[in-house]
């Protein structure tokens, strides 16, 4: 029986994972809505823009830290 997903998705390919900038939890590099095969799964990764040594950087953040209100230094809220 075939497994759900493909080698191009983070849960199968560890090269497509990163760590949360706040807590260090492994999270997928895919930022955005959950994959259509994972309708019940909530978005796992948030890309937050903040300052890193005076220049803007994107900080990968897990849902738990995002929901708890963690934001990087110099956080910039971008409107949709």
Protein backbone atom coordinates (compact mmCIF):
# COMPACT_ATOMS: atom_id res chain seq x y z
CA UNK A 1 0.00 0.00 0.00
CA UNK A 2 1.34 3.45 -0.92
CA UNK A 3 2.06 5.99 1.81
CA UNK A 4 0.31 9.34 1.94
CA UNK A 5 2.41 12.24 0.65
CA UNK A 6 5.57 12.38 -1.39
CA UNK A 7 9.31 12.97 -1.06
CA UNK A 8 8.60 16.62 -1.82
CA UNK A 9 6.77 17.11 1.50
CA UNK A 10 8.50 17.84 4.81
CA UNK A 11 7.02 14.96 6.79
CA UNK A 12 8.77 12.52 4.41
CA UNK A 13 11.90 14.54 3.57
CA UNK A 14 13.78 15.94 6.60
CA UNK A 15 15.75 18.27 4.28
CA UNK A 16 12.50 20.25 3.97
CA UNK A 17 12.37 21.02 7.70
CA UNK A 18 13.71 23.88 9.78
CA UNK A 19 13.47 24.79 13.47
CA UNK A 20 11.30 27.36 15.21
CA UNK A 21 13.30 30.53 15.89
CA UNK A 22 11.90 30.65 19.44
CA UNK A 23 11.58 27.10 20.82
CA UNK A 24 13.68 25.02 18.40
CA UNK A 25 10.88 22.59 17.46
CA UNK A 26 11.27 20.97 14.02
CA UNK A 27 8.72 22.43 11.58
CA UNK A 28 8.21 22.15 7.80
CA UNK A 29 9.70 24.84 5.59
CA UNK A 30 6.34 25.13 3.82
CA UNK A 31 4.79 28.41 4.92
CA UNK A 32 1.15 28.92 4.18
CA UNK A 33 -1.98 26.85 4.28
CA UNK A 34 -1.96 23.13 5.00
CA UNK A 35 -1.51 20.78 2.05
CA UNK A 36 -4.86 19.72 0.49
CA UNK A 37 -4.23 16.11 1.58
CA UNK A 38 -4.08 17.39 5.17
CA UNK A 39 -7.42 19.20 5.35
CA UNK A 40 -7.71 18.62 9.10
CA UNK A 41 -4.16 19.83 9.79
CA UNK A 42 -3.72 23.48 10.73
CA UNK A 43 -0.94 25.65 9.33
CA UNK A 44 2.31 24.61 11.06
CA UNK A 45 4.82 27.31 10.09
CA UNK A 46 4.67 31.09 10.24
CA UNK A 47 7.28 33.32 8.60
CA UNK A 48 7.65 36.45 10.76
CA UNK A 49 9.74 39.42 9.64
CA UNK A 50 11.97 41.01 12.28
CA UNK A 51 15.46 42.45 12.73
CA UNK A 52 18.62 40.39 12.68
CA UNK A 53 21.74 42.50 13.24
CA UNK A 54 19.93 45.59 11.94
CA UNK A 55 18.64 44.07 8.70
CA UNK A 56 15.23 42.51 8.05
CA UNK A 57 15.08 38.72 8.29
CA UNK A 58 12.37 36.08 8.18
CA UNK A 59 12.04 33.97 11.33
CA UNK A 60 10.38 30.56 10.96
CA UNK A 61 7.97 30.16 13.88
CA UNK A 62 5.83 27.20 14.98
CA UNK A 63 2.09 27.57 15.54
CA UNK A 64 2.43 27.13 19.32
CA UNK A 65 4.85 30.09 19.64
CA UNK A 66 2.84 32.18 17.17
CA UNK A 67 -0.40 31.53 19.09
CA UNK A 68 1.36 32.32 22.40
CA UNK A 69 2.26 35.75 21.00
CA UNK A 70 6.02 35.36 20.45
CA UNK A 71 7.39 37.80 17.88
CA UNK A 72 11.02 38.43 16.88
CA UNK A 73 12.85 41.61 17.81
CA UNK A 74 11.79 44.44 15.50
CA UNK A 75 8.69 42.51 14.36
CA UNK A 76 7.01 44.06 11.33
CA UNK A 77 3.35 43.32 10.74
CA UNK A 78 2.73 42.98 7.03
CA UNK A 79 -0.81 43.51 5.79
CA UNK A 80 -2.34 40.98 3.40
